[in-house]
Amino acid sequence: MKGILFTSDMIRAIREGRKTVTRRLDGLKEINEHPDEWTPVAVIEDSWVIQDWEFWRGNTLVDVKPRYRVGEAVYVKELWAPCDCGHCPGYIYKADGIPSLNPPVHWHSPLFMPEKAARTFRKIMDVRPERLWDISESDVLAEGCWQVNPSHEQWKWRASDEITGVTARECYARLWDAINPSHPWKNNDWVWRIAFEAHQEGKQ
């Protein structure tokens, strides 16, 4: 089973059911050197599910396969550590806000989190390419941003943020730039829009 990595803030949003969409840059480096010049075309492998994509640029055709496939279950990678306290299922997770322990916890990188240490599993429901600026307001919500004050345009994407009074799209742009500094929002790159189920899938 493949893993998909998220920050601790996004882990909490996923587990709370607030985040059901993510945008990734995997495999799009060549396309994003000149993002305005490429057009994606779906390659249909069967009559129901679009699995692969091609990008056209003049007379150039590039096959681009997304890392995650529609219908497959993935496990969520996060900061973790083994634990033999006898009160947990063998692991603890940074996203849970574990208090300071003695001796201090040595957190393990989510990059190397094995499936057996995972606690969160999701089924991939849709994968498609789109430009970053094409994000809809409903997708801003699905990405985990939330409105603080319904009567004003006040949004944030983690509990520790101050209320800034920005719009929903500006909230997501700040989130994107914080996670992807080498591919800033202003570039309007091509990304994979990956949607997954809100409830647990796979191992329980």
Protein backbone atom coordinates (compact mmCIF):
# COMPACT_ATOMS: atom_id res chain seq x y z
CA MET A 1 0.00 0.00 0.00
CA LYS A 2 1.29 3.48 -0.87
CA GLY A 3 1.66 6.21 1.73
CA ILE A 4 0.78 9.89 1.39
CA LEU A 5 2.52 12.48 3.55
CA PHE A 6 0.86 15.37 5.41
CA THR A 7 1.90 17.95 8.00
CA SER A 8 0.56 17.63 11.54
CA ASP A 9 -1.95 20.45 10.95
CA MET A 10 -3.34 18.66 7.92
CA ILE A 11 -3.40 15.32 9.78
CA ARG A 12 -5.73 16.88 12.32
CA ALA A 13 -7.93 18.28 9.54
CA ILE A 14 -8.12 14.85 7.88
CA ARG A 15 -8.99 13.05 11.09
CA GLU A 16 -11.63 15.67 11.91
CA GLY A 17 -13.18 15.13 8.48
CA ARG A 18 -12.42 18.70 7.32
CA LYS A 19 -9.87 17.74 4.66
CA THR A 20 -10.84 15.45 1.78
CA VAL A 21 -8.75 16.97 -1.04
CA THR A 22 -5.04 17.57 -1.53
CA ARG A 23 -2.97 19.04 -4.37
CA ARG A 24 0.40 17.55 -5.32
CA LEU A 25 3.19 18.33 -7.80
CA ASP A 26 4.49 14.77 -8.31
CA GLY A 27 5.74 14.13 -11.86
CA LEU A 28 4.87 17.59 -13.20
CA LYS A 29 8.33 19.19 -13.14
CA GLU A 30 8.73 19.33 -16.93
CA ILE A 31 5.18 20.64 -17.40
CA ASN A 32 5.67 23.37 -14.82
CA GLU A 33 8.75 24.78 -16.53
CA HIS A 34 6.24 26.39 -18.97
CA PRO A 35 2.83 25.79 -17.36
CA ASP A 36 0.92 28.15 -19.69
CA GLU A 37 1.98 26.19 -22.78
CA TRP A 38 0.61 22.76 -21.86
CA THR A 39 -2.87 21.26 -22.24
CA PRO A 40 -3.88 18.04 -20.45
CA VAL A 41 -5.80 15.29 -22.23
CA ALA A 42 -7.37 12.34 -20.42
CA VAL A 43 -6.35 8.79 -21.38
CA ILE A 44 -9.22 6.46 -20.56
CA GLU A 45 -8.09 2.94 -19.61
CA ASP A 46 -11.62 1.61 -19.14
CA SER A 47 -15.15 2.88 -19.52
CA TRP A 48 -15.44 4.20 -15.98
CA VAL A 49 -12.21 5.52 -14.53
CA ILE A 50 -9.67 7.96 -15.97
CA GLN A 51 -6.30 6.66 -14.80
CA ASP A 52 -3.63 8.39 -16.91
CA TRP A 53 -3.08 11.74 -18.57
CA GLU A 54 -1.13 13.19 -21.47
CA PHE A 55 0.03 16.78 -21.84
CA TRP A 56 0.27 18.48 -25.24
CA ARG A 57 2.59 21.36 -26.12
CA GLY A 58 2.67 22.15 -29.81
CA ASN A 59 3.88 18.92 -31.41
CA THR A 60 5.17 17.54 -28.11
CA LEU A 61 3.24 14.86 -26.21
CA VAL A 62 4.24 13.82 -22.69
CA ASP A 63 2.70 10.91 -20.76
CA VAL A 64 2.27 11.77 -17.09
CA LYS A 65 1.07 9.14 -14.64
CA PRO A 66 -0.23 10.31 -11.26
CA ARG A 67 1.32 8.64 -8.24
CA TYR A 68 -2.04 7.77 -6.73
CA ARG A 69 -4.74 5.85 -8.57
CA VAL A 70 -8.51 6.10 -8.37
CA GLY A 71 -9.93 3.32 -6.22
CA GLU A 72 -6.80 2.44 -4.27
CA ALA A 73 -6.45 2.75 -0.51
CA VAL A 74 -3.48 4.68 0.89
CA TYR A 75 -2.13 5.18 4.37
CA VAL A 76 -1.43 8.63 5.78
CA LYS A 77 2.18 9.34 6.74
CA GLU A 78 2.82 11.57 9.75
CA LEU A 79 5.37 12.27 12.48
CA TRP A 80 5.35 9.19 14.72
CA ALA A 81 7.32 7.29 17.35
CA PRO A 82 7.20 3.76 18.79
CA CYS A 83 5.77 3.52 22.30
CA ASP A 84 5.78 0.61 24.75
CA CYS A 85 3.85 2.32 27.56
CA GLY A 86 1.13 -0.32 27.47
CA HIS A 87 -1.63 2.30 27.10
CA CYS A 88 -1.45 2.87 23.33
CA PRO A 89 -1.38 0.56 20.28
CA GLY A 90 2.41 0.66 19.99
CA TYR A 91 2.83 4.13 18.47
CA ILE A 92 2.25 7.80 19.32
CA TYR A 93 1.73 10.68 16.89
CA LYS A 94 2.93 14.28 16.92
CA ALA A 95 -0.39 15.57 15.56
CA ASP A 96 -2.10 14.52 18.79
CA GLY A 97 -0.22 17.20 20.72
CA ILE A 98 1.59 14.80 23.03
CA PRO A 99 2.84 16.73 26.10
CA SER A 100 6.53 16.87 26.95
CA LEU A 101 7.74 13.48 28.12
CA ASN A 102 10.80 12.44 30.05
CA PRO A 103 12.91 11.29 28.35
CA PRO A 104 11.94 13.42 25.31
CA VAL A 105 10.27 11.65 22.41
CA HIS A 106 12.43 11.05 19.34
CA TRP A 107 9.96 11.69 16.53
CA HIS A 108 10.47 9.64 13.36
CA SER A 109 10.24 11.26 9.94
CA PRO A 110 6.93 10.66 8.14
CA LEU A 111 8.95 9.96 4.98
CA PHE A 112 9.98 6.62 6.47
CA MET A 113 6.74 5.71 8.23
CA PRO A 114 5.88 2.06 7.52
CA GLU A 115 2.33 0.98 6.87
CA LYS A 116 2.24 -1.00 10.12
CA ALA A 117 2.70 2.23 12.11
CA ALA A 118 -0.14 4.07 10.36
CA ARG A 119 -3.50 4.78 11.95
CA THR A 120 -5.27 6.66 9.14
CA PHE A 121 -6.29 5.14 5.80
CA ARG A 122 -8.23 6.68 2.95
CA LYS A 123 -9.59 5.58 -0.44
CA ILE A 124 -8.68 7.70 -3.48
CA MET A 125 -11.87 8.84 -5.21
CA ASP A 126 -10.62 11.14 -7.99
CA VAL A 127 -7.33 12.26 -9.54
CA ARG A 128 -7.06 14.97 -12.18
CA PRO A 129 -4.68 17.76 -13.22
CA GLU A 130 -5.62 21.40 -12.88
CA ARG A 131 -3.99 24.79 -12.51
CA LEU A 132 -3.47 25.96 -8.96
CA TRP A 133 -5.56 29.11 -9.42
CA ASP A 134 -8.55 27.04 -10.60
CA ILE A 135 -9.33 25.94 -7.05
CA SER A 136 -13.01 26.48 -6.22
CA GLU A 137 -14.36 27.84 -2.95
CA SER A 138 -15.78 24.40 -2.10
CA ASP A 139 -12.31 22.93 -2.61
CA VAL A 140 -10.80 25.53 -0.28
CA LEU A 141 -13.06 24.04 2.38
CA ALA A 142 -12.19 20.48 1.30
CA GLU A 143 -8.48 21.37 1.60
CA GLY A 144 -9.03 22.02 5.32
CA CYS A 145 -9.32 25.83 5.45
CA TRP A 146 -12.19 26.94 7.65
CA GLN A 147 -14.21 30.09 8.18
CA VAL A 148 -13.76 31.57 11.63
CA ASN A 149 -16.59 34.12 11.52
CA PRO A 150 -19.53 33.37 9.18
CA SER A 151 -20.49 37.05 9.05
CA HIS A 152 -17.06 38.17 7.82
CA GLU A 153 -14.38 36.97 5.44
CA GLN A 154 -12.17 35.54 8.16
CA TRP A 155 -10.41 32.26 7.44
CA LYS A 156 -7.55 30.18 8.80
CA TRP A 157 -6.11 26.72 8.30
CA ARG A 158 -4.79 25.83 11.74
CA ALA A 159 -5.97 26.59 15.24
CA SER A 160 -2.81 28.52 16.15
CA ASP A 161 -3.26 31.09 13.32
CA GLU A 162 -4.45 34.57 14.11
CA ILE A 163 -7.60 35.81 12.38
CA THR A 164 -6.30 37.78 9.41
CA GLY A 165 -9.51 38.78 7.60
CA VAL A 166 -8.35 37.24 4.31
CA THR A 167 -10.67 35.57 1.78
CA ALA A 168 -10.97 31.82 1.43
CA ARG A 169 -8.68 31.71 -1.63
CA GLU A 170 -6.09 33.91 0.09
CA CYS A 171 -6.20 31.58 3.07
CA TYR A 172 -5.42 28.62 0.83
CA ALA A 173 -2.71 30.56 -1.04
CA ARG A 174 -0.95 31.15 2.27
CA LEU A 175 -1.28 27.49 3.14
CA TRP A 176 0.15 26.48 -0.24
CA ASP A 177 3.13 28.85 0.04
CA ALA A 178 3.92 27.63 3.55
CA ILE A 179 4.10 24.01 2.36
CA ASN A 180 5.51 24.57 -1.16
CA PRO A 181 7.95 27.52 -1.01
CA SER A 182 9.76 26.43 -4.20
CA HIS A 183 6.47 26.40 -6.16
CA PRO A 184 4.69 29.52 -4.90
CA TRP A 185 1.06 30.34 -5.54
CA LYS A 186 2.03 33.14 -7.94
CA ASN A 187 3.41 30.56 -10.42
CA ASN A 188 -0.04 29.02 -10.98
CA ASP A 189 1.54 25.61 -11.59
CA TRP A 190 -0.18 22.46 -12.75
CA VAL A 191 -1.01 20.16 -9.83
CA TRP A 192 -2.75 16.86 -9.26
CA ARG A 193 -6.08 17.40 -7.51
CA ILE A 194 -6.51 14.26 -5.40
CA ALA A 195 -9.83 13.63 -3.63
CA PHE A 196 -10.26 10.94 -1.00
CA GLU A 197 -13.03 9.64 1.21
CA ALA A 198 -13.68 11.40 4.50
CA HIS A 199 -13.98 8.18 6.49
CA GLN A 200 -11.50 5.43 7.31
CA GLU A 201 -10.63 3.03 4.51
CA GLY A 202 -8.38 -0.03 4.58
CA LYS A 203 -7.07 -1.27 7.92
CA GLN A 204 -9.07 -0.42 11.02
